Amino acid sequence: MIGEKIIACDYEPIESSGLRKLVLDCKRCGKDHHEISDCLSEIILVLEDEYKIESLIASDHIEIQYVGPGLDILFQITGISREIRTFSTRDSDKEKCKRCGFRPSNFYSQLRKDFIEDPGIIYSELKRVSEKLEKGDHCSGCKETIEEELEILGKKALSLRSEVLKEGFGIVKKM
């Protein structure tokens, strides 16, 4: 998948019994897959544009419905991706910023692509970028804004990690 353009799954949102469900058309996908995790990147793209989904249904020769805490974690991943996408739309017309390694349209677009391919990469990427900012490999106009945005992403990433530890491993922080 690395280097390939990621394309959202074919899907249809439906409402049934007052619940909003998202039906993924896995028959048309063309991938030889048996797990929803095989299409995580494509599903994240779908969920970025949909809201208040109560369940996810993978429709192939049989239909598998996904609900519960795992889906909540997927929504958190999608929220981070959506936030990164929003940051990528902020750009500066200043000539110096256009050449900066942290120009939002370039920097965040790549971060988002890397993140949806492997959500676990967010932690090492945030650390790497923070270290790069400390070294001064940027224009001064980008530093303050990027630091604020990285703090927002860092808080969301830590919340995601806490949720994964809680749901996946039963690890809960005691107060």
C-alpha atoms as a PDB file:
ATOM      1  CA  MET A   1       0.000   0.000   0.000  1.00  0.00           C
ATOM      2  CA  ILE A   2       2.887   2.380   0.650  1.00  0.00           C
ATOM      3  CA  GLY A   3       3.158   4.857  -2.198  1.00  0.00           C
ATOM      4  CA  GLU A   4      -0.294   3.979  -3.540  1.00  0.00           C
ATOM      5  CA  LYS A   5      -3.208   6.381  -3.471  1.00  0.00           C
ATOM      6  CA  ILE A   6      -5.752   5.299  -0.892  1.00  0.00           C
ATOM      7  CA  ILE A   7      -9.341   5.251  -2.138  1.00  0.00           C
ATOM      8  CA  ALA A   8     -12.343   5.054   0.178  1.00  0.00           C
ATOM      9  CA  CYS A   9     -14.468   1.918   0.168  1.00  0.00           C
ATOM     10  CA  ASP A  10     -17.754   1.828  -1.688  1.00  0.00           C
ATOM     11  CA  TYR A  11     -20.446   2.181   0.961  1.00  0.00           C
ATOM     12  CA  GLU A  12     -23.995   3.148   1.707  1.00  0.00           C
ATOM     13  CA  PRO A  13     -25.245   4.779   4.904  1.00  0.00           C
ATOM     14  CA  ILE A  14     -28.608   3.366   5.981  1.00  0.00           C
ATOM     15  CA  GLU A  15     -30.966   4.136   8.822  1.00  0.00           C
ATOM     16  CA  SER A  16     -32.753   1.284  10.500  1.00  0.00           C
ATOM     17  CA  SER A  17     -34.670   1.286  13.778  1.00  0.00           C
ATOM     18  CA  GLY A  18     -33.452   4.821  14.447  1.00  0.00           C
ATOM     19  CA  LEU A  19     -29.793   3.764  14.132  1.00  0.00           C
ATOM     20  CA  ARG A  20     -27.393   4.932  11.452  1.00  0.00           C
ATOM     21  CA  LYS A  21     -25.368   2.106   9.941  1.00  0.00           C
ATOM     22  CA  LEU A  22     -22.684   2.111   7.330  1.00  0.00           C
ATOM     23  CA  VAL A  23     -22.716  -0.802   4.880  1.00  0.00           C
ATOM     24  CA  LEU A  24     -19.364  -1.386   3.184  1.00  0.00           C
ATOM     25  CA  ASP A  25     -19.621  -3.057  -0.223  1.00  0.00           C
ATOM     26  CA  CYS A  26     -16.793  -5.572   0.145  1.00  0.00           C
ATOM     27  CA  LYS A  27     -17.872  -7.601  -2.908  1.00  0.00           C
ATOM     28  CA  ARG A  28     -16.799  -4.810  -5.278  1.00  0.00           C
ATOM     29  CA  CYS A  29     -13.517  -4.185  -3.489  1.00  0.00           C
ATOM     30  CA  GLY A  30     -11.407  -6.657  -5.433  1.00  0.00           C
ATOM     31  CA  LYS A  31      -9.126  -7.333  -2.464  1.00  0.00           C
ATOM     32  CA  ASP A  32      -8.641 -10.836  -1.198  1.00  0.00           C
ATOM     33  CA  HIS A  33      -9.424 -10.091   2.424  1.00  0.00           C
ATOM     34  CA  HIS A  34     -11.221 -11.688   5.290  1.00  0.00           C
ATOM     35  CA  GLU A  35     -10.798  -9.088   8.016  1.00  0.00           C
ATOM     36  CA  ILE A  36     -12.009  -5.513   8.224  1.00  0.00           C
ATOM     37  CA  SER A  37      -8.494  -4.585   9.403  1.00  0.00           C
ATOM     38  CA  ASP A  38      -7.242  -5.322   5.869  1.00  0.00           C
ATOM     39  CA  CYS A  39      -9.085  -2.212   4.688  1.00  0.00           C
ATOM     40  CA  LEU A  40      -8.484   0.090   7.657  1.00  0.00           C
ATOM     41  CA  SER A  41      -7.155   3.001   5.572  1.00  0.00           C
ATOM     42  CA  GLU A  42     -10.080   2.879   3.173  1.00  0.00           C
ATOM     43  CA  ILE A  43     -12.591   2.693   6.036  1.00  0.00           C
ATOM     44  CA  ILE A  44     -11.007   5.689   7.789  1.00  0.00           C
ATOM     45  CA  LEU A  45     -11.544   7.723   4.613  1.00  0.00           C
ATOM     46  CA  VAL A  46     -15.204   6.701   4.550  1.00  0.00           C
ATOM     47  CA  LEU A  47     -15.740   7.544   8.216  1.00  0.00           C
ATOM     48  CA  GLU A  48     -14.123  10.973   7.825  1.00  0.00           C
ATOM     49  CA  ASP A  49     -17.163  12.044   5.819  1.00  0.00           C
ATOM     50  CA  GLU A  50     -19.851  10.282   7.870  1.00  0.00           C
ATOM     51  CA  TYR A  51     -21.152  11.111  11.336  1.00  0.00           C
ATOM     52  CA  LYS A  52     -23.152   9.384  14.062  1.00  0.00           C
ATOM     53  CA  ILE A  53     -22.600   5.881  12.736  1.00  0.00           C
ATOM     54  CA  GLU A  54     -23.830   3.274  15.242  1.00  0.00           C
ATOM     55  CA  SER A  55     -22.464   0.211  13.447  1.00  0.00           C
ATOM     56  CA  LEU A  56     -20.319  -0.815  10.533  1.00  0.00           C
ATOM     57  CA  ILE A  57     -21.394  -3.702   8.305  1.00  0.00           C
ATOM     58  CA  ALA A  58     -18.926  -5.452   6.024  1.00  0.00           C
ATOM     59  CA  SER A  59     -21.086  -6.876   3.242  1.00  0.00           C
ATOM     60  CA  ASP A  60     -19.529  -9.680   1.230  1.00  0.00           C
ATOM     61  CA  HIS A  61     -20.912 -13.180   0.748  1.00  0.00           C
ATOM     62  CA  ILE A  62     -21.924 -12.884   4.384  1.00  0.00           C
ATOM     63  CA  GLU A  63     -22.489  -9.705   6.357  1.00  0.00           C
ATOM     64  CA  ILE A  64     -20.511  -8.984   9.513  1.00  0.00           C
ATOM     65  CA  GLN A  65     -21.682  -6.197  11.783  1.00  0.00           C
ATOM     66  CA  TYR A  66     -19.198  -4.315  13.963  1.00  0.00           C
ATOM     67  CA  VAL A  67     -20.326  -2.414  17.068  1.00  0.00           C
ATOM     68  CA  GLY A  68     -18.987  -1.504  20.491  1.00  0.00           C
ATOM     69  CA  PRO A  69     -15.668  -0.331  21.889  1.00  0.00           C
ATOM     70  CA  GLY A  70     -13.616  -1.377  18.857  1.00  0.00           C
ATOM     71  CA  LEU A  71     -15.767   0.819  16.666  1.00  0.00           C
ATOM     72  CA  ASP A  72     -15.369   3.677  19.168  1.00  0.00           C
ATOM     73  CA  ILE A  73     -11.589   3.345  18.814  1.00  0.00           C
ATOM     74  CA  LEU A  74     -11.961   3.437  15.035  1.00  0.00           C
ATOM     75  CA  PHE A  75     -13.953   6.671  15.412  1.00  0.00           C
ATOM     76  CA  GLN A  76     -11.136   8.153  17.516  1.00  0.00           C
ATOM     77  CA  ILE A  77      -8.627   7.244  14.807  1.00  0.00           C
ATOM     78  CA  THR A  78     -10.916   8.864  12.257  1.00  0.00           C
ATOM     79  CA  GLY A  79     -11.193  11.985  14.430  1.00  0.00           C
ATOM     80  CA  ILE A  80      -7.411  12.351  14.475  1.00  0.00           C
ATOM     81  CA  SER A  81      -7.261  11.895  10.711  1.00  0.00           C
ATOM     82  CA  ARG A  82     -10.016  14.488  10.276  1.00  0.00           C
ATOM     83  CA  GLU A  83      -8.087  16.937  12.499  1.00  0.00           C
ATOM     84  CA  ILE A  84      -4.905  16.426  10.471  1.00  0.00           C
ATOM     85  CA  ARG A  85      -6.887  16.995   7.267  1.00  0.00           C
ATOM     86  CA  THR A  86      -8.216  20.272   8.703  1.00  0.00           C
ATOM     87  CA  PHE A  87      -4.690  21.406   9.614  1.00  0.00           C
ATOM     88  CA  SER A  88      -3.529  20.651   6.054  1.00  0.00           C
ATOM     89  CA  THR A  89      -5.901  23.280   4.674  1.00  0.00           C
ATOM     90  CA  ARG A  90      -4.163  26.082   6.576  1.00  0.00           C
ATOM     91  CA  ASP A  91      -1.453  27.625   4.435  1.00  0.00           C
ATOM     92  CA  SER A  92       0.551  30.819   4.274  1.00  0.00           C
ATOM     93  CA  ASP A  93       1.207  33.004   1.269  1.00  0.00           C
ATOM     94  CA  LYS A  94       4.535  34.196   2.662  1.00  0.00           C
ATOM     95  CA  GLU A  95       7.382  33.257   0.343  1.00  0.00           C
ATOM     96  CA  LYS A  96       9.495  31.871   3.193  1.00  0.00           C
ATOM     97  CA  CYS A  97       6.619  29.635   4.352  1.00  0.00           C
ATOM     98  CA  LYS A  98       6.183  28.238   0.838  1.00  0.00           C
ATOM     99  CA  ARG A  99       9.692  26.739   1.073  1.00  0.00           C
ATOM    100  CA  CYS A 100       9.345  25.598   4.692  1.00  0.00           C
ATOM    101  CA  GLY A 101       9.479  21.881   5.495  1.00  0.00           C
ATOM    102  CA  PHE A 102       6.473  22.433   7.737  1.00  0.00           C
ATOM    103  CA  ARG A 103       4.231  24.066   5.165  1.00  0.00           C
ATOM    104  CA  PRO A 104       0.846  22.738   6.334  1.00  0.00           C
ATOM    105  CA  SER A 105      -0.466  21.612   2.963  1.00  0.00           C
ATOM    106  CA  ASN A 106       2.613  19.428   2.426  1.00  0.00           C
ATOM    107  CA  PHE A 107       3.513  18.438   5.975  1.00  0.00           C
ATOM    108  CA  TYR A 108       0.029  17.489   7.167  1.00  0.00           C
ATOM    109  CA  SER A 109      -0.958  15.814   3.913  1.00  0.00           C
ATOM    110  CA  GLN A 110       1.975  13.426   4.279  1.00  0.00           C
ATOM    111  CA  LEU A 111       1.360  12.942   8.011  1.00  0.00           C
ATOM    112  CA  ARG A 112      -2.284  12.085   7.315  1.00  0.00           C
ATOM    113  CA  LYS A 113      -1.388   9.595   4.594  1.00  0.00           C
ATOM    114  CA  ASP A 114       1.156   7.910   6.877  1.00  0.00           C
ATOM    115  CA  PHE A 115      -1.318   7.919   9.782  1.00  0.00           C
ATOM    116  CA  ILE A 116      -4.203   6.304   7.931  1.00  0.00           C
ATOM    117  CA  GLU A 117      -1.842   3.637   6.573  1.00  0.00           C
ATOM    118  CA  ASP A 118      -0.655   2.909  10.136  1.00  0.00           C
ATOM    119  CA  PRO A 119      -2.360   4.764  12.997  1.00  0.00           C
ATOM    120  CA  GLY A 120       0.332   3.599  15.440  1.00  0.00           C
ATOM    121  CA  ILE A 121       2.883   5.774  13.652  1.00  0.00           C
ATOM    122  CA  ILE A 122       1.409   8.955  15.140  1.00  0.00           C
ATOM    123  CA  TYR A 123       3.469   8.665  18.330  1.00  0.00           C
ATOM    124  CA  SER A 124       6.858   8.375  16.639  1.00  0.00           C
ATOM    125  CA  GLU A 125       5.920  11.021  14.066  1.00  0.00           C
ATOM    126  CA  LEU A 126       4.913  13.551  16.729  1.00  0.00           C
ATOM    127  CA  LYS A 127       8.182  12.912  18.548  1.00  0.00           C
ATOM    128  CA  ARG A 128      10.234  13.188  15.347  1.00  0.00           C
ATOM    129  CA  VAL A 129       8.558  16.445  14.328  1.00  0.00           C
ATOM    130  CA  SER A 130       8.937  17.942  17.809  1.00  0.00           C
ATOM    131  CA  GLU A 131      12.648  17.181  17.740  1.00  0.00           C
ATOM    132  CA  LYS A 132      12.946  18.673  14.264  1.00  0.00           C
ATOM    133  CA  LEU A 133      11.182  21.840  15.449  1.00  0.00           C
ATOM    134  CA  GLU A 134      13.655  22.127  18.323  1.00  0.00           C
ATOM    135  CA  LYS A 135      16.558  21.986  15.847  1.00  0.00           C
ATOM    136  CA  GLY A 136      15.137  24.959  13.961  1.00  0.00           C
ATOM    137  CA  ASP A 137      14.505  23.210  10.631  1.00  0.00           C
ATOM    138  CA  HIS A 138      11.577  25.481   9.771  1.00  0.00           C
ATOM    139  CA  CYS A 139      10.568  29.041   9.136  1.00  0.00           C
ATOM    140  CA  SER A 140       9.705  31.109  12.202  1.00  0.00           C
ATOM    141  CA  GLY A 141       6.153  31.701  10.984  1.00  0.00           C
ATOM    142  CA  CYS A 142       5.317  28.000  11.146  1.00  0.00           C
ATOM    143  CA  LYS A 143       6.899  27.062  14.496  1.00  0.00           C
ATOM    144  CA  GLU A 144       4.327  28.441  16.922  1.00  0.00           C
ATOM    145  CA  THR A 145       1.297  27.254  14.966  1.00  0.00           C
ATOM    146  CA  ILE A 146       2.756  23.809  14.310  1.00  0.00           C
ATOM    147  CA  GLU A 147       3.624  23.403  18.006  1.00  0.00           C
ATOM    148  CA  GLU A 148       0.038  24.250  19.015  1.00  0.00           C
ATOM    149  CA  GLU A 149      -1.378  21.838  16.452  1.00  0.00           C
ATOM    150  CA  LEU A 150       1.028  19.076  17.483  1.00  0.00           C
ATOM    151  CA  GLU A 151      -0.101  19.546  21.079  1.00  0.00           C
ATOM    152  CA  ILE A 152      -3.721  19.053  19.994  1.00  0.00           C
ATOM    153  CA  LEU A 153      -2.791  15.925  18.026  1.00  0.00           C
ATOM    154  CA  GLY A 154      -0.667  14.665  20.922  1.00  0.00           C
ATOM    155  CA  LYS A 155      -3.569  14.927  23.368  1.00  0.00           C
ATOM    156  CA  LYS A 156      -5.843  13.083  20.954  1.00  0.00           C
ATOM    157  CA  ALA A 157      -3.195  10.416  20.375  1.00  0.00           C
ATOM    158  CA  LEU A 158      -2.731   9.902  24.126  1.00  0.00           C
ATOM    159  CA  SER A 159      -6.495   9.594  24.561  1.00  0.00           C
ATOM    160  CA  LEU A 160      -6.538   7.009  21.770  1.00  0.00           C
ATOM    161  CA  ARG A 161      -3.711   5.050  23.404  1.00  0.00           C
ATOM    162  CA  SER A 162      -5.565   5.077  26.739  1.00  0.00           C
ATOM    163  CA  GLU A 163      -8.704   3.760  25.065  1.00  0.00           C
ATOM    164  CA  VAL A 164      -6.782   0.980  23.285  1.00  0.00           C
ATOM    165  CA  LEU A 165      -5.101  -0.043  26.544  1.00  0.00           C
ATOM    166  CA  LYS A 166      -8.427   0.001  28.377  1.00  0.00           C
ATOM    167  CA  GLU A 167     -10.436  -1.914  25.785  1.00  0.00           C
ATOM    168  CA  GLY A 168      -7.745  -4.173  24.396  1.00  0.00           C
ATOM    169  CA  PHE A 169      -5.817  -5.034  27.509  1.00  0.00           C
ATOM    170  CA  GLY A 170      -8.037  -4.060  30.445  1.00  0.00           C
ATOM    171  CA  ILE A 171      -5.463  -1.518  31.629  1.00  0.00           C
ATOM    172  CA  VAL A 172      -7.210   1.339  33.401  1.00  0.00           C
ATOM    173  CA  LYS A 173      -5.553   4.294  35.094  1.00  0.00           C
ATOM    174  CA  LYS A 174      -6.502   4.507  38.760  1.00  0.00           C
ATOM    175  CA  MET A 175      -7.424   7.893  40.161  1.00  0.00           C
END
